Amino acid sequence: MKAFVLVAVMLLATASLVAADLGPESVDQAWLKAAKANDLERLVACYAPDAVMYPPDTLIAQGKDAIRADYKGLLDTMTIRDATVSDTH
């Protein structure tokens, strides 16, 4: 099985339902849990409606519909076995 590294940048203009009053660390943990479960809808729930993601296979995914389509393509062809979130600042 191929190793896969997914790098996503989220620009949250509005608070996500997952992060309601809990902060960005909660979004990170929710994203990790959803990714490791290969749960499309829980992954998408981590993003604000107007979020922007820069996936490795396309230039940009703008908005939840585009983000959902990108993750769907990933999850239809691969299984996420492990994931990490890192701060590159």
Protein backbone atom coordinates (compact mmCIF):
# COMPACT_ATOMS: atom_id res chain seq x y z
CA MET A 1 0.00 0.00 0.00
CA LYS A 2 1.26 3.42 -0.87
CA ALA A 3 2.20 5.85 1.87
CA PHE A 4 0.21 9.03 1.66
CA VAL A 5 0.81 12.39 3.23
CA LEU A 6 -2.02 14.84 3.18
CA VAL A 7 -1.26 18.48 3.73
CA ALA A 8 -4.20 20.77 4.12
CA VAL A 9 -4.31 24.44 4.95
CA MET A 10 -7.54 25.70 6.44
CA LEU A 11 -8.47 29.35 6.37
CA LEU A 12 -11.41 29.66 8.70
CA ALA A 13 -13.34 32.86 8.13
CA THR A 14 -16.13 31.71 10.44
CA ALA A 15 -16.15 29.31 13.36
CA SER A 16 -16.74 25.69 12.46
CA LEU A 17 -19.52 23.75 14.18
CA VAL A 18 -16.88 21.38 15.48
CA ALA A 19 -14.89 24.22 17.03
CA ALA A 20 -17.79 26.09 18.63
CA ASP A 21 -16.19 27.85 21.59
CA LEU A 22 -13.49 25.18 21.88
CA GLY A 23 -10.61 26.65 19.87
CA PRO A 24 -8.38 25.48 17.05
CA GLU A 25 -6.90 22.56 19.00
CA SER A 26 -10.37 21.00 19.12
CA VAL A 27 -10.65 21.27 15.33
CA ASP A 28 -7.25 19.58 15.02
CA GLN A 29 -8.37 16.72 17.24
CA ALA A 30 -11.73 16.39 15.45
CA TRP A 31 -9.95 16.33 12.07
CA LEU A 32 -7.49 13.67 13.26
CA LYS A 33 -10.27 11.48 14.62
CA ALA A 34 -12.30 11.83 11.40
CA ALA A 35 -9.27 11.19 9.19
CA LYS A 36 -8.25 8.05 11.08
CA ALA A 37 -11.87 6.84 10.84
CA ASN A 38 -11.98 7.64 7.09
CA ASP A 39 -15.24 9.50 7.79
CA LEU A 40 -15.97 11.88 4.92
CA GLU A 41 -18.74 13.89 6.57
CA ARG A 42 -16.86 14.32 9.84
CA LEU A 43 -13.81 15.51 7.90
CA VAL A 44 -15.87 18.07 5.99
CA ALA A 45 -17.52 19.22 9.25
CA CYS A 46 -14.11 20.47 10.39
CA TYR A 47 -14.18 23.18 7.73
CA ALA A 48 -16.06 26.48 7.66
CA PRO A 49 -18.47 26.96 4.72
CA ASP A 50 -16.02 29.34 3.06
CA ALA A 51 -12.82 27.45 3.93
CA VAL A 52 -9.97 27.07 1.48
CA MET A 53 -7.89 23.87 1.30
CA TYR A 54 -4.72 23.31 -0.72
CA PRO A 55 -4.70 19.54 -1.34
CA PRO A 56 -1.72 17.84 -2.99
CA ASP A 57 -3.67 16.72 -6.07
CA THR A 58 -5.30 20.03 -7.06
CA LEU A 59 -4.36 23.67 -6.82
CA ILE A 60 -7.17 24.72 -4.49
CA ALA A 61 -10.47 23.52 -3.06
CA GLN A 62 -12.74 26.43 -2.12
CA GLY A 63 -15.83 25.85 0.00
CA LYS A 64 -17.28 22.72 1.57
CA ASP A 65 -18.53 21.22 -1.70
CA ALA A 66 -15.06 21.33 -3.27
CA ILE A 67 -13.43 20.11 -0.07
CA ARG A 68 -15.95 17.24 0.17
CA ALA A 69 -15.27 16.26 -3.47
CA ASP A 70 -11.52 16.25 -2.88
CA TYR A 71 -11.75 14.12 0.27
CA LYS A 72 -14.26 11.81 -1.46
CA GLY A 73 -11.78 11.20 -4.25
CA LEU A 74 -9.09 10.45 -1.69
CA LEU A 75 -11.24 8.13 0.44
CA ASP A 76 -12.64 6.32 -2.61
CA THR A 77 -9.12 5.27 -3.61
CA MET A 78 -7.15 5.10 -0.34
CA THR A 79 -7.50 4.31 3.32
CA ILE A 80 -6.01 6.72 5.83
CA ARG A 81 -4.14 4.63 8.38
CA ASP A 82 -2.58 7.45 10.36
CA ALA A 83 -2.47 11.23 10.29
CA THR A 84 -0.78 14.05 12.13
CA VAL A 85 -1.29 17.80 12.34
CA SER A 86 1.77 20.02 12.56
CA ASP A 87 2.21 23.75 12.91
CA THR A 88 4.84 25.01 10.49
CA HIS A 89 5.13 28.47 12.04
